[in-house]
Amino acid sequence: QVQLVESGGGSVQAGGSLRLSCAASGSTFSKNLMGWFRQAPGMEREGLAAVYTGTGRTFYADSVKGRFTFSQDKVTKTIYLQMNMLKPEDTAMYYCATSDDLPFVSVSVTLRPDRYAYWGQGTQVTVSS
């Protein structure tokens, strides 16, 4: 049974930073595709960043490139999303997700929510202006 537990969300002012964590259990972390997503009220779930844990190859959505950084700790089976220069439009529920080591097709496909089989419960990020 794969379980993902996110933490690190909170409220910050615009320009601030947060670091989200996602602890994975019950999965073969060394050969997974893992990703970070967010969903604001009334909006579709948006892929932000993803990594093939085996190779460390990382992908970012244009909306967060240069501001968000994905990292992983294979020993603790934890992935992180360092979020800097936060904006009010970054306000959303943030989720991590994982799937088996699927072959790479394209960045846009890799960041599609339907690419992922297992999801955490989410952590709220609120950015005030």
Protein backbone atom coordinates (compact mmCIF):
# COMPACT_ATOMS: atom_id res chain seq x y z
CA GLN A 1 0.00 0.00 0.00
CA VAL A 2 1.58 3.23 -1.17
CA GLN A 3 1.18 6.15 1.19
CA LEU A 4 2.22 9.76 0.68
CA VAL A 5 2.12 12.34 3.44
CA GLU A 6 2.67 16.02 2.66
CA SER A 7 3.66 18.68 5.15
CA GLY A 8 5.11 22.17 5.22
CA GLY A 9 2.21 24.23 3.98
CA GLY A 10 1.15 27.45 5.65
CA SER A 11 0.51 31.14 5.22
CA VAL A 12 3.15 33.54 3.98
CA GLN A 13 3.32 37.01 2.50
CA ALA A 14 4.11 37.58 -1.13
CA GLY A 15 7.83 37.24 -1.78
CA GLY A 16 8.23 34.70 1.00
CA SER A 17 9.27 31.07 0.89
CA LEU A 18 7.97 27.69 1.97
CA ARG A 19 9.39 24.19 1.77
CA LEU A 20 6.96 21.35 1.24
CA SER A 21 7.82 17.76 2.12
CA CYS A 22 6.30 14.50 0.98
CA ALA A 23 7.20 11.26 2.74
CA ALA A 24 6.58 8.08 0.77
CA SER A 25 6.08 4.59 2.12
CA GLY A 26 5.16 1.27 0.60
CA SER A 27 6.67 2.11 -2.79
CA THR A 28 9.86 1.33 -4.67
CA PHE A 29 11.10 4.89 -4.29
CA SER A 30 14.26 4.25 -6.27
CA LYS A 31 12.36 3.61 -9.50
CA ASN A 32 9.36 5.90 -9.34
CA LEU A 33 8.01 8.94 -11.02
CA MET A 34 7.07 11.49 -8.36
CA GLY A 35 5.45 14.85 -8.81
CA TRP A 36 4.10 17.96 -7.15
CA PHE A 37 0.72 19.38 -8.12
CA ARG A 38 -1.58 22.12 -6.92
CA GLN A 39 -5.25 22.89 -7.18
CA ALA A 40 -6.91 26.19 -6.44
CA PRO A 41 -10.67 26.38 -5.81
CA GLY A 42 -12.58 26.09 -9.07
CA MET A 43 -9.45 25.29 -11.03
CA GLU A 44 -8.05 22.13 -12.56
CA ARG A 45 -5.18 20.34 -10.86
CA GLU A 46 -1.90 21.69 -12.22
CA GLY A 47 1.39 19.81 -12.51
CA LEU A 48 4.32 21.81 -11.12
CA ALA A 49 7.37 19.56 -11.02
CA ALA A 50 8.28 15.93 -11.35
CA VAL A 51 11.29 13.69 -10.96
CA TYR A 52 12.29 10.23 -12.02
CA THR A 53 13.71 9.14 -8.68
CA GLY A 54 16.04 6.60 -10.25
CA THR A 55 17.88 9.03 -12.52
CA GLY A 56 17.10 12.32 -10.77
CA ARG A 57 15.85 13.81 -14.03
CA THR A 58 13.60 16.71 -13.05
CA PHE A 59 10.95 18.66 -14.92
CA TYR A 60 9.23 21.95 -14.14
CA ALA A 61 6.15 23.74 -15.36
CA ASP A 62 6.86 27.15 -16.88
CA SER A 63 4.71 28.78 -14.19
CA VAL A 64 7.19 27.83 -11.45
CA LYS A 65 10.49 27.46 -13.27
CA GLY A 66 13.17 29.53 -11.54
CA ARG A 67 11.12 29.92 -8.35
CA PHE A 68 10.43 26.33 -7.26
CA THR A 69 13.06 23.62 -6.79
CA PHE A 70 12.44 19.91 -6.53
CA SER A 71 14.75 17.69 -4.49
CA GLN A 72 14.71 14.19 -3.08
CA ASP A 73 16.24 12.18 -0.26
CA LYS A 74 16.40 8.54 -1.28
CA VAL A 75 17.35 7.38 2.21
CA THR A 76 14.24 8.80 3.86
CA LYS A 77 12.09 8.39 0.71
CA THR A 78 11.13 12.03 0.90
CA ILE A 79 10.72 14.60 -1.82
CA TYR A 80 10.74 18.33 -1.29
CA LEU A 81 9.49 21.40 -3.09
CA GLN A 82 11.32 24.58 -2.17
CA MET A 83 9.09 27.49 -3.14
CA ASN A 84 10.63 30.95 -3.32
CA MET A 85 9.31 34.34 -4.42
CA LEU A 86 5.77 33.20 -3.69
CA LYS A 87 2.90 35.11 -5.26
CA PRO A 88 -0.77 35.35 -4.26
CA GLU A 89 -1.63 33.28 -7.34
CA ASP A 90 0.39 30.41 -5.84
CA THR A 91 -2.36 30.00 -3.23
CA ALA A 92 -3.73 26.47 -3.56
CA MET A 93 -3.81 23.00 -2.07
CA TYR A 94 -0.53 21.29 -2.91
CA TYR A 95 -0.30 17.55 -3.49
CA CYS A 96 2.46 15.06 -4.12
CA ALA A 97 1.86 12.00 -6.22
CA THR A 98 3.70 8.97 -7.46
CA SER A 99 3.47 6.30 -10.08
CA ASP A 100 5.51 3.45 -11.44
CA ASP A 101 8.56 4.29 -13.52
CA LEU A 102 6.70 5.22 -16.68
CA PRO A 103 8.65 5.90 -19.89
CA PHE A 104 9.28 9.56 -20.65
CA VAL A 105 7.08 11.00 -23.39
CA SER A 106 7.31 14.76 -22.92
CA VAL A 107 7.40 17.31 -20.12
CA SER A 108 3.74 18.14 -20.56
CA VAL A 109 2.74 14.47 -20.35
CA THR A 110 4.96 13.94 -17.31
CA LEU A 111 3.14 16.77 -15.52
CA ARG A 112 -0.36 15.48 -16.27
CA PRO A 113 -2.25 14.39 -13.13
CA ASP A 114 -3.62 11.30 -14.88
CA ARG A 115 -0.04 10.03 -15.17
CA TYR A 116 -0.01 9.36 -11.42
CA ALA A 117 -1.66 6.53 -9.51
CA TYR A 118 -1.15 7.48 -5.87
CA TRP A 119 -1.81 10.79 -4.14
CA GLY A 120 -1.27 12.39 -0.77
CA GLN A 121 -3.93 14.25 1.16
CA GLY A 122 -2.55 17.68 0.33
CA THR A 123 -1.21 20.65 2.25
CA GLN A 124 -2.60 24.17 1.99
CA VAL A 125 -0.44 27.09 0.88
CA THR A 126 -1.82 30.60 1.24
CA VAL A 127 0.08 33.63 -0.03
CA SER A 128 -1.17 37.07 0.95
CA SER A 129 -0.38 40.29 -0.85
